[in-house]
Amino acid sequence: MHLETFRTFCDVVETGSLSAAARVSRVTQSAVSQQLRTLEQRYGQRLIERAPRTQARPTEAGELLYRELKPLLAAFADLDAKLHARRNLLEGGVLEGSVRVATVYSVGLHTLPPVIKEFLRTHRAVKVRMEYRRTDLIYAACLSGELDFGIVALPARRAQLTSVPLFEDELVLALPPDHRLASQRRPSLKALDGELFVAFDRDIPTRRLIDKLLRQHHTSVQVAMELDNIETIKRSVEAGLGLSILPAPALQNEVRAGTLATRPLREGPFRRPIAAIHRRGRELSAPARALLEMLAKSGV
């Protein structure tokens, strides 16, 4: 049984979708389905329940397999990285191997690509597997050793994790270009009082920061929608369903296209720190260390 089959199975469990797992693994959805069938034939029982609209949930047997597989795959990834790093040191040659990183959407889709592109150009023998996950799942994956490191906004202090500061981005008001507040160069937070607002889900750190800022400035918005990623929030603001406060780097494409306007807030600038996290005491592979150093130096 190939390790990639087990990895694909875990991707299906974690994403809840065969199509999403296919994107993570960079294979076709039919290839994911075939790998699942191979596993189920091997163990003689169904491991994944296929629900309507491509949803996929593990059966009781699937949950058991997933729980036991995760630490084994993490241990193998550690061993693989150490052996590659040792060979590189012995040969004094080209950096090679792989790095597995997970990041939140707002950072991974808009801020990191230029740095990752430069890293891959510099280290052509290194493969970077970049995944997009919710913050809580990134913390869990770092603790389990599944990832080399994760990238999160507003890093929380955890005894078992090490945090490496990378950079900061500014939170700005995002609104349709024809909204009344778009005519103001630096609207105040108080001007948002009573406005419809599209927010992150309550358990997302950026949402907690924004709620705190609104309370501190005695501003009460009407939360029309709560969503779990920045792309759906932007589409909702474009559709006129409410305003939002979002990281400026994630809005550049929409501003250029004229579908959204952004305005710095008068009481700001409000900044959120971005950091890399990894399990405390973990020996990072040479490729992971090199990528982390490049991210820290980039100041993006």
C-alpha atoms as a PDB file:
ATOM      1  CA  MET A   1       0.000   0.000   0.000  1.00  0.00           C
ATOM      2  CA  HIS A   2       1.495   3.339  -1.086  1.00  0.00           C
ATOM      3  CA  LEU A   3       1.908   6.116   1.489  1.00  0.00           C
ATOM      4  CA  GLU A   4       0.242   8.559  -0.912  1.00  0.00           C
ATOM      5  CA  THR A   5      -2.960   6.506  -0.691  1.00  0.00           C
ATOM      6  CA  PHE A   6      -2.977   6.911   3.092  1.00  0.00           C
ATOM      7  CA  ARG A   7      -2.181  10.630   2.759  1.00  0.00           C
ATOM      8  CA  THR A   8      -5.037  11.091   0.304  1.00  0.00           C
ATOM      9  CA  PHE A   9      -7.408   9.309   2.672  1.00  0.00           C
ATOM     10  CA  CYS A  10      -6.423  11.709   5.466  1.00  0.00           C
ATOM     11  CA  ASP A  11      -6.901  14.676   3.129  1.00  0.00           C
ATOM     12  CA  VAL A  12     -10.453  13.487   2.393  1.00  0.00           C
ATOM     13  CA  VAL A  13     -11.237  13.212   6.115  1.00  0.00           C
ATOM     14  CA  GLU A  14      -9.780  16.656   6.863  1.00  0.00           C
ATOM     15  CA  THR A  15     -11.382  18.515   3.951  1.00  0.00           C
ATOM     16  CA  GLY A  16     -14.688  16.617   3.996  1.00  0.00           C
ATOM     17  CA  SER A  17     -14.651  16.562   0.211  1.00  0.00           C
ATOM     18  CA  LEU A  18     -13.171  14.383  -2.534  1.00  0.00           C
ATOM     19  CA  SER A  19     -12.752  17.382  -4.836  1.00  0.00           C
ATOM     20  CA  ALA A  20     -10.967  19.428  -2.146  1.00  0.00           C
ATOM     21  CA  ALA A  21      -8.696  16.477  -1.339  1.00  0.00           C
ATOM     22  CA  ALA A  22      -7.885  16.215  -5.047  1.00  0.00           C
ATOM     23  CA  ARG A  23      -6.827  19.877  -5.099  1.00  0.00           C
ATOM     24  CA  VAL A  24      -4.646  19.409  -2.009  1.00  0.00           C
ATOM     25  CA  SER A  25      -2.973  16.316  -3.478  1.00  0.00           C
ATOM     26  CA  ARG A  26      -2.852  17.819  -6.984  1.00  0.00           C
ATOM     27  CA  VAL A  27      -4.497  14.802  -8.595  1.00  0.00           C
ATOM     28  CA  THR A  28      -7.856  14.250 -10.275  1.00  0.00           C
ATOM     29  CA  GLN A  29     -11.008  13.532  -8.294  1.00  0.00           C
ATOM     30  CA  SER A  30     -11.263  10.155 -10.044  1.00  0.00           C
ATOM     31  CA  ALA A  31      -7.771   9.294  -8.769  1.00  0.00           C
ATOM     32  CA  VAL A  32      -8.898  10.110  -5.217  1.00  0.00           C
ATOM     33  CA  SER A  33     -11.965   7.884  -5.666  1.00  0.00           C
ATOM     34  CA  GLN A  34      -9.787   5.031  -6.931  1.00  0.00           C
ATOM     35  CA  GLN A  35      -7.424   5.333  -3.956  1.00  0.00           C
ATOM     36  CA  LEU A  36     -10.374   5.207  -1.560  1.00  0.00           C
ATOM     37  CA  ARG A  37     -11.747   2.108  -3.300  1.00  0.00           C
ATOM     38  CA  THR A  38      -8.331   0.463  -3.006  1.00  0.00           C
ATOM     39  CA  LEU A  39      -8.249   1.121   0.744  1.00  0.00           C
ATOM     40  CA  GLU A  40     -11.816  -0.106   1.260  1.00  0.00           C
ATOM     41  CA  GLN A  41     -11.107  -3.279  -0.705  1.00  0.00           C
ATOM     42  CA  ARG A  42      -7.977  -3.893   1.368  1.00  0.00           C
ATOM     43  CA  TYR A  43      -9.854  -3.629   4.672  1.00  0.00           C
ATOM     44  CA  GLY A  44     -13.125  -5.100   3.427  1.00  0.00           C
ATOM     45  CA  GLN A  45     -15.336  -2.304   4.719  1.00  0.00           C
ATOM     46  CA  ARG A  46     -16.506   1.193   3.871  1.00  0.00           C
ATOM     47  CA  LEU A  47     -14.223   3.916   5.242  1.00  0.00           C
ATOM     48  CA  ILE A  48     -15.844   7.043   3.798  1.00  0.00           C
ATOM     49  CA  GLU A  49     -19.550   7.820   3.525  1.00  0.00           C
ATOM     50  CA  ARG A  50     -20.293   9.763   0.354  1.00  0.00           C
ATOM     51  CA  ALA A  51     -23.075  12.273   0.943  1.00  0.00           C
ATOM     52  CA  PRO A  52     -24.858  14.534  -1.567  1.00  0.00           C
ATOM     53  CA  ARG A  53     -22.956  17.509  -3.010  1.00  0.00           C
ATOM     54  CA  THR A  54     -19.600  15.694  -2.807  1.00  0.00           C
ATOM     55  CA  GLN A  55     -19.468  15.764   1.009  1.00  0.00           C
ATOM     56  CA  ALA A  56     -17.461  12.914   2.512  1.00  0.00           C
ATOM     57  CA  ARG A  57     -17.401  11.783   6.142  1.00  0.00           C
ATOM     58  CA  PRO A  58     -15.458   8.938   7.736  1.00  0.00           C
ATOM     59  CA  THR A  59     -17.307   5.872   8.982  1.00  0.00           C
ATOM     60  CA  GLU A  60     -16.472   4.447  12.405  1.00  0.00           C
ATOM     61  CA  ALA A  61     -13.770   2.324  10.748  1.00  0.00           C
ATOM     62  CA  GLY A  62     -12.575   5.384   8.844  1.00  0.00           C
ATOM     63  CA  GLU A  63     -12.257   7.378  12.072  1.00  0.00           C
ATOM     64  CA  LEU A  64     -10.162   4.579  13.587  1.00  0.00           C
ATOM     65  CA  LEU A  65      -7.895   4.429  10.538  1.00  0.00           C
ATOM     66  CA  TYR A  66      -7.490   8.222  10.506  1.00  0.00           C
ATOM     67  CA  ARG A  67      -6.589   8.447  14.218  1.00  0.00           C
ATOM     68  CA  GLU A  68      -3.946   5.737  13.898  1.00  0.00           C
ATOM     69  CA  LEU A  69      -2.542   6.948  10.584  1.00  0.00           C
ATOM     70  CA  LYS A  70      -1.894  10.596  11.496  1.00  0.00           C
ATOM     71  CA  PRO A  71       1.002  10.059  13.936  1.00  0.00           C
ATOM     72  CA  LEU A  72       2.503   7.395  11.646  1.00  0.00           C
ATOM     73  CA  LEU A  73       2.470   9.729   8.636  1.00  0.00           C
ATOM     74  CA  ALA A  74       3.895  12.564  10.730  1.00  0.00           C
ATOM     75  CA  ALA A  75       6.708  10.312  11.988  1.00  0.00           C
ATOM     76  CA  PHE A  76       7.504   9.193   8.459  1.00  0.00           C
ATOM     77  CA  ALA A  77       7.580  12.809   7.233  1.00  0.00           C
ATOM     78  CA  ASP A  78      10.020  13.673  10.052  1.00  0.00           C
ATOM     79  CA  LEU A  79      12.255  10.726   9.160  1.00  0.00           C
ATOM     80  CA  ASP A  80      12.129  11.568   5.457  1.00  0.00           C
ATOM     81  CA  ALA A  81      13.096  15.205   6.129  1.00  0.00           C
ATOM     82  CA  LYS A  82      15.962  14.229   8.453  1.00  0.00           C
ATOM     83  CA  LEU A  83      17.437  11.791   5.961  1.00  0.00           C
ATOM     84  CA  HIS A  84      17.245  14.339   3.149  1.00  0.00           C
ATOM     85  CA  ALA A  85      18.830  16.982   5.367  1.00  0.00           C
ATOM     86  CA  ARG A  86      21.612  14.583   6.410  1.00  0.00           C
ATOM     87  CA  ARG A  87      22.405  13.708   2.807  1.00  0.00           C
ATOM     88  CA  ASN A  88      22.540  17.402   1.917  1.00  0.00           C
ATOM     89  CA  LEU A  89      24.948  18.070   4.757  1.00  0.00           C
ATOM     90  CA  LEU A  90      27.163  15.144   3.793  1.00  0.00           C
ATOM     91  CA  GLU A  91      27.234  16.104   0.140  1.00  0.00           C
ATOM     92  CA  GLY A  92      27.391  19.854   0.732  1.00  0.00           C
ATOM     93  CA  GLY A  93      25.162  20.066  -2.294  1.00  0.00           C
ATOM     94  CA  VAL A  94      21.842  21.422  -3.445  1.00  0.00           C
ATOM     95  CA  LEU A  95      19.067  21.831  -0.914  1.00  0.00           C
ATOM     96  CA  GLU A  96      16.355  19.281  -1.641  1.00  0.00           C
ATOM     97  CA  GLY A  97      13.405  17.623   0.003  1.00  0.00           C
ATOM     98  CA  SER A  98       9.899  18.839   0.757  1.00  0.00           C
ATOM     99  CA  VAL A  99       8.133  21.273   3.053  1.00  0.00           C
ATOM    100  CA  ARG A 100       4.525  20.970   4.199  1.00  0.00           C
ATOM    101  CA  VAL A 101       2.947  24.232   5.313  1.00  0.00           C
ATOM    102  CA  ALA A 102      -0.626  25.281   6.081  1.00  0.00           C
ATOM    103  CA  THR A 103      -1.827  28.861   6.194  1.00  0.00           C
ATOM    104  CA  VAL A 104      -5.033  30.838   6.574  1.00  0.00           C
ATOM    105  CA  TYR A 105      -6.631  31.965   3.303  1.00  0.00           C
ATOM    106  CA  SER A 106      -6.097  35.701   3.796  1.00  0.00           C
ATOM    107  CA  VAL A 107      -2.318  35.241   4.027  1.00  0.00           C
ATOM    108  CA  GLY A 108      -1.724  32.257   1.772  1.00  0.00           C
ATOM    109  CA  LEU A 109      -3.658  33.413  -1.261  1.00  0.00           C
ATOM    110  CA  HIS A 110      -2.507  37.027  -1.360  1.00  0.00           C
ATOM    111  CA  THR A 111       0.696  37.650   0.620  1.00  0.00           C
ATOM    112  CA  LEU A 112       2.815  34.516   0.367  1.00  0.00           C
ATOM    113  CA  PRO A 113       2.857  33.671  -3.386  1.00  0.00           C
ATOM    114  CA  PRO A 114       5.762  36.027  -4.338  1.00  0.00           C
ATOM    115  CA  VAL A 115       7.940  34.639  -1.517  1.00  0.00           C
ATOM    116  CA  ILE A 116       7.075  31.015  -2.335  1.00  0.00           C
ATOM    117  CA  LYS A 117       7.799  31.672  -6.011  1.00  0.00           C
ATOM    118  CA  GLU A 118      11.217  33.125  -5.152  1.00  0.00           C
ATOM    119  CA  PHE A 119      11.968  30.220  -2.798  1.00  0.00           C
ATOM    120  CA  LEU A 120      11.142  27.641  -5.478  1.00  0.00           C
ATOM    121  CA  ARG A 121      13.246  29.541  -8.017  1.00  0.00           C
ATOM    122  CA  THR A 122      16.193  29.557  -5.606  1.00  0.00           C
ATOM    123  CA  HIS A 123      15.771  25.958  -4.435  1.00  0.00           C
ATOM    124  CA  ARG A 124      14.577  24.058  -7.492  1.00  0.00           C
ATOM    125  CA  ALA A 125      14.966  20.629  -5.865  1.00  0.00           C
ATOM    126  CA  VAL A 126      12.589  21.479  -2.992  1.00  0.00           C
ATOM    127  CA  LYS A 127       8.854  20.810  -3.179  1.00  0.00           C
ATOM    128  CA  VAL A 128       6.504  23.016  -1.153  1.00  0.00           C
ATOM    129  CA  ARG A 129       3.087  21.643  -0.302  1.00  0.00           C
ATOM    130  CA  MET A 130       0.976  24.655   0.645  1.00  0.00           C
ATOM    131  CA  GLU A 131      -2.467  24.044   2.167  1.00  0.00           C
ATOM    132  CA  TYR A 132      -5.229  26.431   3.224  1.00  0.00           C
ATOM    133  CA  ARG A 133      -6.987  25.689   6.494  1.00  0.00           C
ATOM    134  CA  ARG A 134      -8.903  27.295   9.325  1.00  0.00           C
ATOM    135  CA  THR A 135      -6.786  28.573  12.196  1.00  0.00           C
ATOM    136  CA  ASP A 136      -7.849  25.893  14.690  1.00  0.00           C
ATOM    137  CA  LEU A 137      -6.954  23.126  12.232  1.00  0.00           C
ATOM    138  CA  ILE A 138      -3.502  24.639  11.666  1.00  0.00           C
ATOM    139  CA  TYR A 139      -2.785  24.588  15.405  1.00  0.00           C
ATOM    140  CA  ALA A 140      -3.942  20.967  15.634  1.00  0.00           C
ATOM    141  CA  ALA A 141      -1.833  19.902  12.648  1.00  0.00           C
ATOM    142  CA  CYS A 142       1.272  21.594  14.071  1.00  0.00           C
ATOM    143  CA  LEU A 143       0.775  19.912  17.434  1.00  0.00           C
ATOM    144  CA  SER A 144       0.351  16.497  15.806  1.00  0.00           C
ATOM    145  CA  GLY A 145       3.529  16.972  13.760  1.00  0.00           C
ATOM    146  CA  GLU A 146       1.625  16.697  10.480  1.00  0.00           C
ATOM    147  CA  LEU A 147       3.047  20.039   9.256  1.00  0.00           C
ATOM    148  CA  ASP A 148       6.555  21.431   9.201  1.00  0.00           C
ATOM    149  CA  PHE A 149       4.996  24.717  10.266  1.00  0.00           C
ATOM    150  CA  GLY A 150       1.824  26.753   9.974  1.00  0.00           C
ATOM    151  CA  ILE A 151       1.213  30.441   9.285  1.00  0.00           C
ATOM    152  CA  VAL A 152      -1.516  32.187  11.272  1.00  0.00           C
ATOM    153  CA  ALA A 153      -2.756  35.653  12.102  1.00  0.00           C
ATOM    154  CA  LEU A 154      -2.698  36.883  15.710  1.00  0.00           C
ATOM    155  CA  PRO A 155      -0.771  33.857  17.041  1.00  0.00           C
ATOM    156  CA  ALA A 156      -1.960  32.516  20.380  1.00  0.00           C
ATOM    157  CA  ARG A 157       0.495  31.490  23.072  1.00  0.00           C
ATOM    158  CA  ARG A 158       0.632  27.714  23.403  1.00  0.00           C
ATOM    159  CA  ALA A 159       3.104  25.921  25.682  1.00  0.00           C
ATOM    160  CA  GLN A 160       3.690  23.207  23.083  1.00  0.00           C
ATOM    161  CA  LEU A 161       4.260  25.572  20.167  1.00  0.00           C
ATOM    162  CA  THR A 162       6.995  27.966  19.100  1.00  0.00           C
ATOM    163  CA  SER A 163       5.945  31.194  17.368  1.00  0.00           C
ATOM    164  CA  VAL A 164       8.189  33.031  14.887  1.00  0.00           C
ATOM    165  CA  PRO A 165       7.065  36.603  13.999  1.00  0.00           C
ATOM    166  CA  LEU A 166       6.962  37.202  10.233  1.00  0.00           C
ATOM    167  CA  PHE A 167       5.250  40.497   9.400  1.00  0.00           C
ATOM    168  CA  GLU A 168       2.111  42.580   9.998  1.00  0.00           C
ATOM    169  CA  ASP A 169      -0.737  43.627   7.719  1.00  0.00           C
ATOM    170  CA  GLU A 170      -3.174  46.512   8.100  1.00  0.00           C
ATOM    171  CA  LEU A 171      -6.906  46.072   8.626  1.00  0.00           C
ATOM    172  CA  VAL A 172      -8.946  48.467   6.472  1.00  0.00           C
ATOM    173  CA  LEU A 173     -12.589  49.138   5.709  1.00  0.00           C
ATOM    174  CA  ALA A 174     -13.822  47.193   2.666  1.00  0.00           C
ATOM    175  CA  LEU A 175     -16.963  48.463   0.938  1.00  0.00           C
ATOM    176  CA  PRO A 176     -18.663  48.781  -2.462  1.00  0.00           C
ATOM    177  CA  PRO A 177     -17.268  51.729  -4.455  1.00  0.00           C
ATOM    178  CA  ASP A 178     -20.671  53.436  -4.517  1.00  0.00           C
ATOM    179  CA  HIS A 179     -21.235  53.266  -0.745  1.00  0.00           C
ATOM    180  CA  ARG A 180     -21.650  56.628   0.994  1.00  0.00           C
ATOM    181  CA  LEU A 181     -18.532  56.051   3.138  1.00  0.00           C
ATOM    182  CA  ALA A 182     -16.382  55.536   0.031  1.00  0.00           C
ATOM    183  CA  SER A 183     -16.446  59.305  -0.461  1.00  0.00           C
ATOM    184  CA  GLN A 184     -14.566  59.782   2.828  1.00  0.00           C
ATOM    185  CA  ARG A 185     -10.783  59.521   2.735  1.00  0.00           C
ATOM    186  CA  ARG A 186     -10.448  58.155   6.293  1.00  0.00           C
ATOM    187  CA  PRO A 187     -13.861  57.262   7.742  1.00  0.00           C
ATOM    188  CA  SER A 188     -14.067  56.736  11.471  1.00  0.00           C
ATOM    189  CA  LEU A 189     -15.111  53.499  13.128  1.00  0.00           C
ATOM    190  CA  LYS A 190     -18.031  55.398  14.647  1.00  0.00           C
ATOM    191  CA  ALA A 191     -19.336  56.000  11.122  1.00  0.00           C
ATOM    192  CA  LEU A 192     -20.017  52.250  10.919  1.00  0.00           C
ATOM    193  CA  ASP A 193     -22.579  52.457  13.716  1.00  0.00           C
ATOM    194  CA  GLY A 194     -25.744  50.638  12.605  1.00  0.00           C
ATOM    195  CA  GLU A 195     -24.269  49.486   9.267  1.00  0.00           C
ATOM    196  CA  LEU A 196     -24.792  45.971   7.936  1.00  0.00           C
ATOM    197  CA  PHE A 197     -21.537  44.055   8.438  1.00  0.00           C
ATOM    198  CA  VAL A 198     -20.091  40.848   6.962  1.00  0.00           C
ATOM    199  CA  ALA A 199     -17.899  39.216   9.603  1.00  0.00           C
ATOM    200  CA  PHE A 200     -15.574  36.288  10.061  1.00  0.00           C
ATOM    201  CA  ASP A 201     -16.885  33.403  12.157  1.00  0.00           C
ATOM    202  CA  ARG A 202     -16.704  34.087  15.886  1.00  0.00           C
ATOM    203  CA  ASP A 203     -13.902  31.587  16.559  1.00  0.00           C
ATOM    204  CA  ILE A 204     -11.509  33.191  14.056  1.00  0.00           C
ATOM    205  CA  PRO A 205      -8.853  35.396  15.764  1.00  0.00           C
ATOM    206  CA  THR A 206      -9.267  38.296  13.311  1.00  0.00           C
ATOM    207  CA  ARG A 207     -12.988  38.423  14.177  1.00  0.00           C
ATOM    208  CA  ARG A 208     -12.177  38.675  17.874  1.00  0.00           C
ATOM    209  CA  LEU A 209      -9.757  41.528  17.185  1.00  0.00           C
ATOM    210  CA  ILE A 210     -12.313  43.419  15.078  1.00  0.00           C
ATOM    211  CA  ASP A 211     -15.031  42.942  17.717  1.00  0.00           C
ATOM    212  CA  LYS A 212     -12.636  44.327  20.325  1.00  0.00           C
ATOM    213  CA  LEU A 213     -11.866  47.405  18.188  1.00  0.00           C
ATOM    214  CA  LEU A 214     -15.566  48.087  17.642  1.00  0.00           C
ATOM    215  CA  ARG A 215     -16.298  47.807  21.369  1.00  0.00           C
ATOM    216  CA  GLN A 216     -13.392  50.076  22.266  1.00  0.00           C
ATOM    217  CA  HIS A 217     -14.757  52.758  19.959  1.00  0.00           C
ATOM    218  CA  HIS A 218     -18.370  52.298  21.062  1.00  0.00           C
ATOM    219  CA  THR A 219     -19.508  51.172  17.637  1.00  0.00           C
ATOM    220  CA  SER A 220     -22.338  48.700  17.102  1.00  0.00           C
ATOM    221  CA  VAL A 221     -22.745  47.101  13.670  1.00  0.00           C
ATOM    222  CA  GLN A 222     -25.482  44.782  12.433  1.00  0.00           C
ATOM    223  CA  VAL A 223     -23.795  41.480  11.614  1.00  0.00           C
ATOM    224  CA  ALA A 224     -25.616  40.280   8.508  1.00  0.00           C
ATOM    225  CA  MET A 225     -23.415  37.265   7.780  1.00  0.00           C
ATOM    226  CA  GLU A 226     -20.671  35.266   9.491  1.00  0.00           C
ATOM    227  CA  LEU A 227     -18.336  33.413   7.129  1.00  0.00           C
ATOM    228  CA  ASP A 228     -15.257  31.259   7.568  1.00  0.00           C
ATOM    229  CA  ASN A 229     -12.953  32.599   4.855  1.00  0.00           C
ATOM    230  CA  ILE A 230     -12.029  35.906   3.320  1.00  0.00           C
ATOM    231  CA  GLU A 231     -12.935  35.049  -0.272  1.00  0.00           C
ATOM    232  CA  THR A 232     -16.622  34.537   0.531  1.00  0.00           C
ATOM    233  CA  ILE A 233     -16.610  37.689   2.675  1.00  0.00           C
ATOM    234  CA  LYS A 234     -15.262  39.734  -0.247  1.00  0.00           C
ATOM    235  CA  ARG A 235     -17.885  38.351  -2.618  1.00  0.00           C
ATOM    236  CA  SER A 236     -20.612  39.241  -0.098  1.00  0.00           C
ATOM    237  CA  VAL A 237     -19.351  42.824   0.265  1.00  0.00           C
ATOM    238  CA  GLU A 238     -19.177  43.152  -3.534  1.00  0.00           C
ATOM    239  CA  ALA A 239     -22.820  42.030  -3.656  1.00  0.00           C
ATOM    240  CA  GLY A 240     -23.787  44.857  -1.300  1.00  0.00           C
ATOM    241  CA  LEU A 241     -24.696  42.603   1.634  1.00  0.00           C
ATOM    242  CA  GLY A 242     -22.675  44.696   4.116  1.00  0.00           C
ATOM    243  CA  LEU A 243     -19.336  46.310   4.886  1.00  0.00           C
ATOM    244  CA  SER A 244     -16.343  44.544   6.402  1.00  0.00           C
ATOM    245  CA  ILE A 245     -12.943  45.163   7.950  1.00  0.00           C
ATOM    246  CA  LEU A 246     -10.288  43.077   6.213  1.00  0.00           C
ATOM    247  CA  PRO A 247      -6.499  42.863   5.702  1.00  0.00           C
ATOM    248  CA  ALA A 248      -5.442  45.280   2.966  1.00  0.00           C
ATOM    249  CA  PRO A 249      -3.138  42.873   1.026  1.00  0.00           C
ATOM    250  CA  ALA A 250      -6.071  40.529   0.415  1.00  0.00           C
ATOM    251  CA  LEU A 251      -8.073  43.293  -1.302  1.00  0.00           C
ATOM    252  CA  GLN A 252      -5.621  44.485  -3.947  1.00  0.00           C
ATOM    253  CA  ASN A 253      -7.118  42.523  -6.859  1.00  0.00           C
ATOM    254  CA  GLU A 254     -10.652  43.752  -6.161  1.00  0.00           C
ATOM    255  CA  VAL A 255      -9.478  47.353  -5.784  1.00  0.00           C
ATOM    256  CA  ARG A 256      -7.659  47.157  -9.127  1.00  0.00           C
ATOM    257  CA  ALA A 257     -10.753  45.652 -10.755  1.00  0.00           C
ATOM    258  CA  GLY A 258     -12.968  48.355  -9.250  1.00  0.00           C
ATOM    259  CA  THR A 259     -15.319  45.893  -7.529  1.00  0.00           C
ATOM    260  CA  LEU A 260     -14.355  46.997  -4.014  1.00  0.00           C
ATOM    261  CA  ALA A 261     -13.037  50.151  -2.379  1.00  0.00           C
ATOM    262  CA  THR A 262     -10.830  50.252   0.706  1.00  0.00           C
ATOM    263  CA  ARG A 263     -10.366  53.048   3.201  1.00  0.00           C
ATOM    264  CA  PRO A 264      -7.936  53.285   6.135  1.00  0.00           C
ATOM    265  CA  LEU A 265      -9.759  53.923   9.381  1.00  0.00           C
ATOM    266  CA  ARG A 266      -9.243  57.271  11.107  1.00  0.00           C
ATOM    267  CA  GLU A 267      -8.470  55.713  14.489  1.00  0.00           C
ATOM    268  CA  GLY A 268      -5.859  53.395  12.971  1.00  0.00           C
ATOM    269  CA  PRO A 269      -3.704  52.082  11.617  1.00  0.00           C
ATOM    270  CA  PHE A 270      -4.922  48.764  12.998  1.00  0.00           C
ATOM    271  CA  ARG A 271      -2.444  45.987  12.375  1.00  0.00           C
ATOM    272  CA  ARG A 272      -2.577  42.239  12.917  1.00  0.00           C
ATOM    273  CA  PRO A 273       0.633  40.240  13.407  1.00  0.00           C
ATOM    274  CA  ILE A 274       1.345  37.209  11.225  1.00  0.00           C
ATOM    275  CA  ALA A 275       3.563  34.424  12.576  1.00  0.00           C
ATOM    276  CA  ALA A 276       4.814  30.952  11.780  1.00  0.00           C
ATOM    277  CA  ILE A 277       4.138  28.276  14.381  1.00  0.00           C
ATOM    278  CA  HIS A 278       5.600  24.811  14.833  1.00  0.00           C
ATOM    279  CA  ARG A 279       5.743  22.168  17.531  1.00  0.00           C
ATOM    280  CA  ARG A 280       8.195  23.142  20.257  1.00  0.00           C
ATOM    281  CA  GLY A 281      11.328  21.007  20.186  1.00  0.00           C
ATOM    282  CA  ARG A 282      10.730  19.812  16.636  1.00  0.00           C
ATOM    283  CA  GLU A 283      13.864  19.684  14.503  1.00  0.00           C
ATOM    284  CA  LEU A 284      12.904  21.433  11.288  1.00  0.00           C
ATOM    285  CA  SER A 285      14.307  20.008   8.076  1.00  0.00           C
ATOM    286  CA  ALA A 286      16.843  22.055   6.129  1.00  0.00           C
ATOM    287  CA  PRO A 287      14.241  23.032   3.458  1.00  0.00           C
ATOM    288  CA  ALA A 288      11.727  24.057   6.153  1.00  0.00           C
ATOM    289  CA  ARG A 289      14.341  26.178   7.930  1.00  0.00           C
ATOM    290  CA  ALA A 290      15.320  27.829   4.655  1.00  0.00           C
ATOM    291  CA  LEU A 291      11.712  28.671   3.779  1.00  0.00           C
ATOM    292  CA  LEU A 292      11.015  30.008   7.270  1.00  0.00           C
ATOM    293  CA  GLU A 293      14.117  32.208   7.128  1.00  0.00           C
ATOM    294  CA  MET A 294      13.118  33.597   3.728  1.00  0.00           C
ATOM    295  CA  LEU A 295       9.607  34.403   4.978  1.00  0.00           C
ATOM    296  CA  ALA A 296      10.961  36.145   8.069  1.00  0.00           C
ATOM    297  CA  LYS A 297      13.430  38.221   6.037  1.00  0.00           C
ATOM    298  CA  SER A 298      10.935  39.157   3.328  1.00  0.00           C
ATOM    299  CA  GLY A 299       8.861  41.395   5.594  1.00  0.00           C
ATOM    300  CA  VAL A 300       5.951  41.024   3.200  1.00  0.00           C
END
